[in-house]
Amino acid sequence: MRRLLVGLLVGALLLAVAPSVLAKSGPQTPASGVWSWVNTGWDPYKESGGNTFSLGSEDATWTGTFKGSSVDTFRVVEHRSGALWATLDIAFHGSVGGKVGTLDMMAVARWPVSAETMTGTWVIIGGTGELASLHGQGTWTYTGTVGDVNSGAYAGM
């Protein structure tokens, strides 16, 4: 009986708190633009089974919804098949919707052998300043290289 009462109390508390949490999240706003980067470091540190493992870094510029710059670090696995998989940590400094601050973001990149281009996903995992409460996620697609500048189009909410 005691467990039932505790369960009902916890359920009632969650129902009471949920509307205020949802109200604070605010409406979703579309985000889109271009993420351009220049590789500043590349260290293929291990080979195993025909796969190459590398660490790298890049300096990036963001236009569109995200306006600013970032320093990105990444880990890459180039599979013997030719496929590529990477995870990136993105330290963004700039503005979003006129609000200024920093964002910590993570991105994933994948380039299967059969694909024409690299694609991936991104997510905001934290922020400071006026961006401290910003949440978002989306996708990105590699659009090409001009000189040593790589670019990708991003979109999301």
Protein backbone atom coordinates (compact mmCIF):
# COMPACT_ATOMS: atom_id res chain seq x y z
CA MET A 1 0.00 0.00 0.00
CA ARG A 2 2.84 2.37 0.89
CA ARG A 3 4.48 1.81 -2.53
CA LEU A 4 1.20 2.60 -4.27
CA LEU A 5 0.85 5.89 -2.36
CA VAL A 6 4.45 6.87 -3.08
CA GLY A 7 3.93 6.02 -6.78
CA LEU A 8 0.77 8.09 -6.96
CA LEU A 9 2.49 11.01 -5.20
CA VAL A 10 5.46 10.93 -7.60
CA GLY A 11 3.10 10.71 -10.59
CA ALA A 12 1.06 13.67 -9.36
CA LEU A 13 4.25 15.69 -8.81
CA LEU A 14 5.46 14.95 -12.34
CA LEU A 15 2.11 15.98 -13.81
CA ALA A 16 2.23 19.22 -11.82
CA VAL A 17 5.80 20.10 -12.90
CA ALA A 18 5.61 19.03 -16.58
CA PRO A 19 3.60 22.05 -17.85
CA SER A 20 6.08 24.55 -16.38
CA VAL A 21 9.07 22.68 -17.85
CA LEU A 22 7.43 22.58 -21.27
CA ALA A 23 6.46 26.26 -21.08
CA LYS A 24 10.07 27.27 -20.40
CA SER A 25 11.41 25.42 -23.44
CA GLY A 26 9.82 27.95 -25.81
CA PRO A 27 8.88 27.52 -29.44
CA GLN A 28 11.24 25.75 -31.83
CA THR A 29 12.93 27.95 -34.39
CA PRO A 30 14.43 26.66 -37.65
CA ALA A 31 18.21 27.03 -38.01
CA SER A 32 20.19 26.95 -41.26
CA GLY A 33 23.37 28.25 -42.78
CA VAL A 34 26.93 27.37 -43.75
CA TRP A 35 29.71 25.93 -41.60
CA SER A 36 33.14 26.47 -43.22
CA TRP A 37 36.40 25.12 -41.82
CA VAL A 38 40.14 24.91 -42.43
CA ASN A 39 42.01 21.93 -41.04
CA THR A 40 44.75 23.04 -38.63
CA GLY A 41 45.95 19.65 -37.45
CA TRP A 42 45.89 16.02 -38.54
CA ASP A 43 47.58 13.17 -36.70
CA PRO A 44 47.06 9.61 -37.96
CA TYR A 45 48.15 7.95 -34.73
CA LYS A 46 47.19 4.29 -35.22
CA GLU A 47 46.57 1.68 -37.88
CA SER A 48 44.79 -1.56 -37.16
CA GLY A 49 43.27 -4.13 -39.50
CA GLY A 50 43.60 -1.77 -42.46
CA ASN A 51 41.77 1.03 -40.60
CA THR A 52 43.45 4.36 -39.82
CA PHE A 53 42.66 6.27 -36.62
CA SER A 54 43.38 10.03 -36.60
CA LEU A 55 42.99 13.07 -34.38
CA GLY A 56 42.57 16.53 -35.85
CA SER A 57 41.58 20.13 -35.37
CA GLU A 58 40.05 22.89 -37.45
CA ASP A 59 39.16 26.57 -37.28
CA ALA A 60 35.63 27.25 -38.47
CA THR A 61 33.35 30.12 -39.44
CA TRP A 62 29.55 29.96 -39.14
CA THR A 63 27.06 32.03 -41.16
CA GLY A 64 23.29 31.98 -41.21
CA THR A 65 21.42 31.34 -37.96
CA PHE A 66 24.71 30.73 -36.13
CA LYS A 67 27.03 33.70 -36.63
CA GLY A 68 30.56 33.36 -35.31
CA SER A 69 33.55 31.07 -35.18
CA SER A 70 34.56 27.83 -33.58
CA VAL A 71 37.58 25.72 -32.79
CA ASP A 72 36.76 22.09 -33.47
CA THR A 73 38.59 18.92 -32.49
CA PHE A 74 37.78 15.56 -34.00
CA ARG A 75 38.47 11.84 -34.04
CA VAL A 76 38.33 10.01 -37.37
CA VAL A 77 38.27 6.36 -38.37
CA GLU A 78 39.03 5.73 -42.02
CA HIS A 79 37.96 2.15 -42.67
CA ARG A 80 39.87 -0.09 -45.06
CA SER A 81 36.72 -0.11 -47.23
CA GLY A 82 37.15 3.63 -47.77
CA ALA A 83 34.26 4.62 -45.48
CA LEU A 84 34.85 7.40 -42.97
CA TRP A 85 33.36 8.00 -39.51
CA ALA A 86 34.18 10.98 -37.26
CA THR A 87 33.05 12.65 -34.06
CA LEU A 88 33.66 16.35 -33.47
CA ASP A 89 33.69 18.60 -30.41
CA ILE A 90 32.78 22.16 -31.44
CA ALA A 91 33.55 25.20 -29.26
CA PHE A 92 31.42 27.96 -30.85
CA HIS A 93 31.65 31.66 -29.92
CA GLY A 94 29.21 34.09 -31.49
CA SER A 95 25.52 34.85 -31.74
CA VAL A 96 22.25 33.10 -32.48
CA GLY A 97 19.16 35.22 -33.08
CA GLY A 98 20.96 38.33 -31.80
CA LYS A 99 21.91 36.66 -28.50
CA VAL A 100 25.64 36.37 -27.72
CA GLY A 101 27.55 33.63 -25.95
CA THR A 102 29.31 30.34 -26.42
CA LEU A 103 28.01 26.91 -27.35
CA ASP A 104 29.47 23.47 -26.82
CA MET A 105 28.29 21.28 -29.67
CA MET A 106 28.94 17.75 -30.85
CA ALA A 107 28.76 16.56 -34.43
CA VAL A 108 29.02 13.23 -36.16
CA ALA A 109 30.30 12.81 -39.71
CA ARG A 110 29.90 9.76 -41.89
CA TRP A 111 30.92 9.06 -45.46
CA PRO A 112 29.93 5.55 -46.55
CA VAL A 113 31.71 4.12 -49.58
CA SER A 114 28.52 4.22 -51.63
CA ALA A 115 27.65 7.84 -50.73
CA GLU A 116 28.43 10.82 -52.94
CA THR A 117 29.19 13.10 -49.99
CA MET A 118 29.76 13.27 -46.26
CA THR A 119 26.74 13.89 -44.04
CA GLY A 120 26.15 14.09 -40.34
CA THR A 121 24.25 15.35 -37.35
CA TRP A 122 24.90 18.03 -34.73
CA VAL A 123 23.55 18.79 -31.27
CA ILE A 124 24.01 21.63 -28.78
CA ILE A 125 25.12 20.20 -25.44
CA GLY A 126 25.60 23.43 -23.46
CA GLY A 127 26.19 27.16 -23.59
CA THR A 128 27.08 30.33 -21.73
CA GLY A 129 25.94 33.94 -21.71
CA GLU A 130 22.70 34.64 -23.53
CA LEU A 131 23.02 31.21 -25.21
CA ALA A 132 23.07 29.27 -21.93
CA SER A 133 19.51 27.99 -22.33
CA LEU A 134 19.68 27.34 -26.10
CA HIS A 135 18.94 23.79 -27.24
CA GLY A 136 19.07 22.47 -30.75
CA GLN A 137 19.95 19.67 -33.11
CA GLY A 138 20.02 19.02 -36.78
CA THR A 139 21.85 17.69 -39.80
CA TRP A 140 24.64 18.88 -42.05
CA THR A 141 25.91 17.97 -45.52
CA TYR A 142 29.41 18.52 -46.88
CA THR A 143 29.17 20.80 -49.91
CA GLY A 144 32.78 20.94 -51.11
CA THR A 145 36.23 22.46 -50.85
CA VAL A 146 37.58 25.67 -52.37
CA GLY A 147 41.32 26.00 -51.84
CA ASP A 148 41.81 24.72 -48.29
CA VAL A 149 38.36 25.81 -47.05
CA ASN A 150 35.80 23.03 -46.59
CA SER A 151 32.09 23.84 -46.29
CA GLY A 152 28.89 22.20 -45.21
CA ALA A 153 25.26 23.29 -45.11
CA TYR A 154 23.54 22.86 -41.73
CA ALA A 155 19.85 22.79 -40.87
CA GLY A 156 17.84 21.98 -37.79
CA MET A 157 15.77 23.30 -34.92
